[in-house]
Amino acid sequence: MHDANANRAAQTFVPLAASAVLVNPVGLHARPSVKLTQCAKGFVAKIEIALAADGPWTDAKSPVKVMRVKAPQGATLHFRVAGPDGDAALAAMLALVHDGFGEA
């Protein structure tokens, strides 16, 4: 017999959180936003960003929503990730920001 509660527990993932400072000259504008969302879409995990540790949180897989964040150079970008590939997703997001989206 299949235990529905065990199945739900197996699909519950501990949220991961981290932050990184935007080092690229333009901050989080059009090109970096697209790079961030393309990277985020490569993962199953739910990935959200915010300018403050307590939010408001924005879906990192939505280019329009990410561009609305309008984070300038020097701003701290907070990440909240949950899913089966959360560790890899968070590492990829942080690496992208630390690398200045390839622009720094």
Protein backbone atom coordinates (compact mmCIF):
# COMPACT_ATOMS: atom_id res chain seq x y z
CA MET A 1 0.00 0.00 0.00
CA HIS A 2 1.21 3.51 -0.83
CA ASP A 3 1.52 5.97 2.04
CA ALA A 4 0.40 9.42 0.82
CA ASN A 5 1.97 11.20 3.81
CA ALA A 6 5.37 9.60 3.15
CA ASN A 7 5.15 10.72 -0.47
CA ARG A 8 4.42 14.31 0.58
CA ALA A 9 7.27 14.28 3.09
CA ALA A 10 9.65 13.06 0.40
CA GLN A 11 8.70 16.05 -1.75
CA THR A 12 9.20 18.64 0.99
CA PHE A 13 12.50 20.44 0.66
CA VAL A 14 14.23 22.64 3.19
CA PRO A 15 14.51 26.16 1.76
CA LEU A 16 18.06 27.36 1.18
CA ALA A 17 19.02 31.02 1.42
CA ALA A 18 22.08 33.08 0.53
CA SER A 19 22.96 36.51 -0.74
CA ALA A 20 25.48 38.14 -3.06
CA VAL A 21 26.46 41.71 -3.91
CA LEU A 22 25.85 42.86 -7.49
CA VAL A 23 29.25 43.79 -8.91
CA ASN A 24 28.42 44.36 -12.56
CA PRO A 25 28.27 48.03 -13.63
CA VAL A 26 24.58 48.11 -14.63
CA GLY A 27 23.21 46.09 -11.72
CA LEU A 28 20.20 43.90 -12.40
CA HIS A 29 18.85 45.38 -15.61
CA ALA A 30 17.79 43.86 -18.96
CA ARG A 31 20.75 41.68 -19.98
CA PRO A 32 21.63 40.43 -16.47
CA SER A 33 17.94 39.78 -15.74
CA VAL A 34 17.65 37.57 -18.80
CA LYS A 35 20.83 35.68 -17.87
CA LEU A 36 19.53 35.14 -14.34
CA THR A 37 16.13 33.88 -15.49
CA GLN A 38 17.68 31.59 -18.13
CA CYS A 39 19.92 30.08 -15.48
CA ALA A 40 17.01 29.72 -13.03
CA LYS A 41 14.83 27.98 -15.63
CA GLY A 42 17.47 25.27 -15.91
CA PHE A 43 16.45 23.98 -12.47
CA VAL A 44 13.34 22.33 -11.08
CA ALA A 45 13.71 24.17 -7.76
CA LYS A 46 11.62 27.21 -6.92
CA ILE A 47 14.02 30.17 -7.00
CA GLU A 48 13.16 33.60 -5.66
CA ILE A 49 15.11 36.85 -5.30
CA ALA A 50 14.70 39.93 -3.12
CA LEU A 51 16.58 43.09 -2.20
CA ALA A 52 15.93 42.49 1.50
CA ALA A 53 16.30 39.28 3.49
CA ASP A 54 12.63 39.45 4.46
CA GLY A 55 11.35 40.17 0.92
CA PRO A 56 9.26 40.97 -0.96
CA TRP A 57 10.23 37.91 -2.98
CA THR A 58 10.21 37.72 -6.78
CA ASP A 59 10.08 34.62 -8.99
CA ALA A 60 13.58 34.33 -10.52
CA LYS A 61 12.17 32.44 -13.51
CA SER A 62 10.13 35.43 -14.72
CA PRO A 63 12.20 37.91 -16.80
CA VAL A 64 9.62 40.68 -16.43
CA LYS A 65 9.41 40.30 -12.64
CA VAL A 66 13.20 40.13 -12.29
CA MET A 67 13.65 43.32 -14.36
CA ARG A 68 11.16 45.09 -12.08
CA VAL A 69 13.50 44.52 -9.13
CA LYS A 70 15.85 47.19 -10.61
CA ALA A 71 18.73 46.42 -8.30
CA PRO A 72 21.69 48.78 -8.79
CA GLN A 73 25.39 47.92 -8.65
CA GLY A 74 26.40 47.34 -5.05
CA ALA A 75 22.96 46.12 -3.96
CA THR A 76 22.70 42.82 -2.10
CA LEU A 77 20.60 40.27 -3.93
CA HIS A 78 19.02 37.67 -1.64
CA PHE A 79 18.13 34.20 -2.89
CA ARG A 80 15.61 31.71 -1.53
CA VAL A 81 15.61 28.27 -3.17
CA ALA A 82 13.63 25.08 -2.52
CA GLY A 83 13.53 21.90 -4.57
CA PRO A 84 15.29 18.66 -5.42
CA ASP A 85 18.15 20.48 -7.15
CA GLY A 86 18.18 23.43 -4.75
CA ASP A 87 21.86 23.12 -3.82
CA ALA A 88 22.96 23.25 -7.45
CA ALA A 89 20.48 26.02 -8.28
CA LEU A 90 21.68 28.23 -5.44
CA ALA A 91 25.33 27.62 -6.34
CA ALA A 92 24.64 28.56 -9.97
CA MET A 93 22.77 31.75 -9.00
CA LEU A 94 25.56 32.86 -6.66
CA ALA A 95 28.26 32.09 -9.25
CA LEU A 96 26.41 34.13 -11.87
CA VAL A 97 26.18 37.16 -9.57
CA HIS A 98 29.77 36.82 -8.31
CA ASP A 99 30.92 36.67 -11.95
CA GLY A 100 29.08 39.92 -12.66
CA PHE A 101 26.85 38.14 -15.19
CA GLY A 102 29.92 37.99 -17.43
CA GLU A 103 30.00 41.81 -17.62
CA ALA A 104 32.26 42.84 -14.71
